[in-house]
Every structure is written in structure tokens, then in C-alpha cells.
């Protein structure tokens, strides 16, 4: 394992957490407006695969909907949402 791999993994996590923060802000309808905002951040390319994952996109969409509707909990993911497209 390379000594910098943990740094890359940490940065990927930061990008995903930033996407989640943006989703919780209530300013976005879904992941399609969030992901473009992250493209200029350092580490975006490394996090791209995670952000393209159906489950992550579903989570972001659910967080957006939850915040915009005032609900406390997101909708449960359908069983197929954890597979990549």
C-alpha cells in the first residue's frame, strides 16, 4: 500500500461529505446540480467514481428531497440502488 493512499481516500471522503452537506442545504433539487459544483475541488477526479455510484446519487437526491420537504429522514433506497450503472 502506498503511503499516500490514505490521503487520497480521506480526500475522496471529504468530497462526498461536501456533496452531502450541499444536499442538506436545501438549495438543490438533486445530485445533478451538486456534482458540477464539486468539479473544481482538489480530489474531485479521485472521487468521481463514488459520485457516479447509483447509491451515492440516490442518497444525495434523498437528502435534497428530505431537506426541501422538511422531513427528518430520507426515503429508503430501493434494493437495486446499491448497484452501479
Protein backbone atom coordinates (compact mmCIF):
# COMPACT_ATOMS: atom_id res chain seq x y z
CA UNK A 1 0.00 0.00 0.00
CA UNK A 2 1.34 3.41 -0.90
CA UNK A 3 1.85 5.83 1.94
CA UNK A 4 -0.31 8.45 0.22
CA UNK A 5 -3.28 6.13 -0.39
CA UNK A 6 -4.88 7.03 2.94
CA UNK A 7 -4.63 10.70 1.97
CA UNK A 8 -6.39 10.06 -1.33
CA UNK A 9 -9.10 8.04 0.41
CA UNK A 10 -9.54 10.78 3.00
CA UNK A 11 -9.87 13.41 0.25
CA UNK A 12 -12.45 11.28 -1.60
CA UNK A 13 -14.42 11.12 1.63
CA UNK A 14 -14.21 14.88 2.01
CA UNK A 15 -15.64 15.38 -1.47
CA UNK A 16 -18.56 13.04 -0.75
CA UNK A 17 -19.20 14.74 2.61
CA UNK A 18 -19.22 18.12 0.85
CA UNK A 19 -21.79 16.75 -1.61
CA UNK A 20 -23.90 15.59 1.35
CA UNK A 21 -23.58 18.99 3.01
CA UNK A 22 -24.76 20.69 -0.17
CA UNK A 23 -27.67 18.26 -0.43
CA UNK A 24 -28.72 19.04 3.15
CA UNK A 25 -28.59 22.79 2.46
CA UNK A 26 -31.99 22.74 0.78
CA UNK A 27 -30.65 24.74 -2.16
CA UNK A 28 -30.52 21.84 -4.62
CA UNK A 29 -33.20 19.71 -6.23
CA UNK A 30 -30.95 16.68 -6.74
CA UNK A 31 -27.41 15.46 -7.44
CA UNK A 32 -27.38 16.99 -10.94
CA UNK A 33 -26.85 20.48 -9.53
CA UNK A 34 -24.46 19.42 -6.77
CA UNK A 35 -21.85 17.40 -8.66
CA UNK A 36 -20.91 20.22 -11.09
CA UNK A 37 -20.15 22.45 -8.08
CA UNK A 38 -17.55 19.96 -6.86
CA UNK A 39 -15.62 19.61 -10.14
CA UNK A 40 -13.14 22.36 -9.32
CA UNK A 41 -12.27 20.95 -5.89
CA UNK A 42 -8.94 19.22 -5.39
CA UNK A 43 -9.53 15.49 -5.36
CA UNK A 44 -12.69 15.53 -7.48
CA UNK A 45 -11.27 13.20 -10.12
CA UNK A 46 -10.38 10.66 -7.45
CA UNK A 47 -13.91 10.91 -6.03
CA UNK A 48 -15.65 10.79 -9.41
CA UNK A 49 -16.35 7.03 -9.25
CA UNK A 50 -18.03 7.40 -5.87
CA UNK A 51 -20.14 10.30 -7.06
CA UNK A 52 -21.21 8.29 -10.10
CA UNK A 53 -22.35 5.39 -7.93
CA UNK A 54 -26.14 4.96 -8.01
CA UNK A 55 -26.37 4.55 -4.25
CA UNK A 56 -24.49 7.80 -3.58
CA UNK A 57 -26.62 9.67 -6.12
CA UNK A 58 -29.78 8.22 -4.59
CA UNK A 59 -28.58 9.32 -1.16
CA UNK A 60 -27.88 12.84 -2.40
CA UNK A 61 -31.29 13.01 -4.10
CA UNK A 62 -32.96 11.76 -0.90
CA UNK A 63 -31.12 14.30 1.24
CA UNK A 64 -32.19 17.08 -1.13
CA UNK A 65 -35.81 15.94 -1.06
CA UNK A 66 -35.77 15.46 2.70
CA UNK A 67 -34.49 18.96 3.32
CA UNK A 68 -36.77 20.61 0.79
CA UNK A 69 -39.86 18.85 2.15
CA UNK A 70 -38.96 19.34 5.81
CA UNK A 71 -38.88 15.61 6.55
CA UNK A 72 -36.46 14.31 9.15
CA UNK A 73 -35.49 11.04 7.43
CA UNK A 74 -34.70 10.26 3.80
CA UNK A 75 -36.68 7.73 1.80
CA UNK A 76 -35.32 4.18 1.95
CA UNK A 77 -33.20 3.18 -1.04
CA UNK A 78 -34.68 0.57 -3.35
CA UNK A 79 -32.76 -2.74 -3.34
CA UNK A 80 -31.25 -2.11 -6.79
CA UNK A 81 -29.87 1.35 -5.87
CA UNK A 82 -26.65 -0.15 -4.50
CA UNK A 83 -25.56 -1.46 -7.92
CA UNK A 84 -23.58 0.66 -10.27
CA UNK A 85 -24.98 1.69 -13.61
